[in-house]
Amino acid sequence: MKKNKVVVNHAPSSTGQFGDKGAKKNKQQRTKESTKRQAMLNTHRISPFKYDMNEILEASSMDPSKASSFLASVIAKASRVSTKDAKEFVRTFLDSGDLTKDEHDRICKLLDRYSRFR
């Protein structure tokens, strides 16, 4: 004896293969808050920037172990926050006596040269 399967209240699925399409209608629209564009280090030109910074730091009187962490911090601030904050960070080393005014100015010019607005 054969049994037939009976499906009750089965409507074609509108969800599709990738989830519920109806859920998109109920989601709230998110608006992107616009932030002011800031000058940041161009990440495509980090290698030449490091080379030029190392030339400045080798000629400076800064301790080499301190210079490498200083360089890493300048790159991190300039590429993630802004070049303005990186310049303020460099100024703290000028104020503490680790850098001369000439070295400070050269580093700030480098930051301007290798930056772009994002």
Protein backbone atom coordinates (compact mmCIF):
# COMPACT_ATOMS: atom_id res chain seq x y z
CA MET A 1 0.00 0.00 0.00
CA LYS A 2 1.40 3.40 -1.04
CA LYS A 3 1.11 6.45 1.13
CA ASN A 4 0.85 9.88 -0.44
CA LYS A 5 2.45 12.83 1.27
CA VAL A 6 0.18 15.79 1.77
CA VAL A 7 1.67 19.24 2.37
CA VAL A 8 -0.63 21.74 4.04
CA ASN A 9 -0.25 25.56 3.82
CA HIS A 10 2.92 25.41 1.83
CA ALA A 11 3.55 28.57 -0.15
CA PRO A 12 6.57 29.12 -2.36
CA SER A 13 9.43 30.49 -0.32
CA SER A 14 10.26 34.14 -0.97
CA THR A 15 13.39 34.03 1.13
CA GLY A 16 15.60 32.64 -1.56
CA GLN A 17 18.98 31.10 -1.12
CA PHE A 18 20.71 33.92 0.78
CA GLY A 19 18.34 34.86 3.54
CA ASP A 20 15.19 36.79 4.17
CA LYS A 21 14.53 39.48 1.60
CA GLY A 22 11.69 40.89 3.67
CA ALA A 23 14.08 41.77 6.48
CA LYS A 24 15.65 44.49 4.36
CA LYS A 25 12.41 46.43 4.38
CA ASN A 26 12.25 46.46 8.17
CA LYS A 27 15.86 47.60 8.73
CA GLN A 28 16.42 51.20 9.67
CA GLN A 29 18.35 53.28 7.22
CA ARG A 30 21.76 54.18 8.57
CA THR A 31 23.21 57.49 7.58
CA LYS A 32 26.93 57.87 7.40
CA GLU A 33 28.18 60.78 9.45
CA SER A 34 30.53 62.81 7.34
CA THR A 35 33.83 63.70 8.89
CA LYS A 36 36.17 66.42 7.80
CA ARG A 37 38.88 65.21 5.45
CA GLN A 38 42.29 65.14 7.07
CA ALA A 39 45.81 64.94 5.75
CA MET A 40 47.17 61.46 6.43
CA LEU A 41 50.27 59.58 5.40
CA ASN A 42 49.94 58.03 1.95
CA THR A 43 50.17 54.31 2.69
CA HIS A 44 51.34 53.56 -0.85
CA ARG A 45 54.49 55.59 -0.25
CA ILE A 46 55.54 54.32 3.18
CA SER A 47 58.81 52.75 1.98
CA PRO A 48 60.29 55.97 0.55
CA PHE A 49 59.04 57.83 3.62
CA LYS A 50 60.86 55.37 5.91
CA TYR A 51 64.02 55.74 3.84
CA ASP A 52 63.98 59.54 4.08
CA MET A 53 63.12 59.44 7.80
CA ASN A 54 65.97 57.01 8.50
CA GLU A 55 68.41 59.42 6.80
CA ILE A 56 67.26 62.20 9.12
CA LEU A 57 67.34 60.01 12.22
CA GLU A 58 70.79 58.55 11.48
CA ALA A 59 72.21 62.07 11.28
CA SER A 60 70.48 63.06 14.52
CA SER A 61 71.82 62.53 18.03
CA MET A 62 68.83 60.35 18.98
CA ASP A 63 69.59 56.89 20.40
CA PRO A 64 69.09 54.26 17.62
CA SER A 65 66.80 52.09 19.75
CA LYS A 66 64.69 55.15 20.55
CA ALA A 67 64.75 56.23 16.91
CA SER A 68 63.16 53.02 15.64
CA SER A 69 60.21 53.24 18.04
CA PHE A 70 59.92 56.96 17.30
CA LEU A 71 59.71 56.22 13.57
CA ALA A 72 57.08 53.51 14.12
CA SER A 73 54.98 55.86 16.25
CA VAL A 74 55.20 58.67 13.70
CA ILE A 75 54.10 56.32 10.90
CA ALA A 76 51.22 54.93 12.99
CA LYS A 77 49.93 58.37 13.97
CA ALA A 78 50.34 59.84 10.49
CA SER A 79 48.64 56.96 8.69
CA ARG A 80 45.80 56.30 11.16
CA VAL A 81 45.00 59.62 12.87
CA SER A 82 46.42 62.59 10.94
CA THR A 83 49.70 64.22 10.01
CA LYS A 84 48.78 67.09 12.34
CA ASP A 85 48.84 64.73 15.34
CA ALA A 86 52.09 63.19 14.10
CA LYS A 87 53.65 66.67 13.96
CA GLU A 88 52.53 67.35 17.53
CA PHE A 89 54.15 64.06 18.55
CA VAL A 90 57.40 65.11 16.85
CA ARG A 91 57.21 68.45 18.69
CA THR A 92 57.25 66.61 22.04
CA PHE A 93 60.64 65.16 21.07
CA LEU A 94 61.83 68.64 20.11
CA ASP A 95 60.72 69.96 23.50
CA SER A 96 62.46 67.11 25.35
CA GLY A 97 65.73 67.80 23.49
CA ASP A 98 65.93 64.58 21.47
CA LEU A 99 65.58 66.47 18.17
CA THR A 100 66.94 69.80 16.99
CA LYS A 101 64.79 72.49 15.39
CA ASP A 102 66.28 71.70 11.97
CA GLU A 103 65.49 67.97 12.30
CA HIS A 104 61.96 68.80 13.48
CA ASP A 105 61.40 71.03 10.45
CA ARG A 106 62.75 68.41 8.04
CA ILE A 107 60.47 65.71 9.52
CA CYS A 108 57.44 68.00 9.28
CA LYS A 109 58.25 68.77 5.63
CA LEU A 110 58.51 65.03 4.96
CA LEU A 111 55.11 64.46 6.54
CA ASP A 112 53.63 67.15 4.31
CA ARG A 113 55.31 65.75 1.20
CA TYR A 114 54.12 62.17 1.77
CA SER A 115 50.59 62.99 2.88
CA ARG A 116 47.24 62.98 1.15
CA PHE A 117 43.73 63.94 2.19
CA ARG A 118 41.46 61.09 3.32
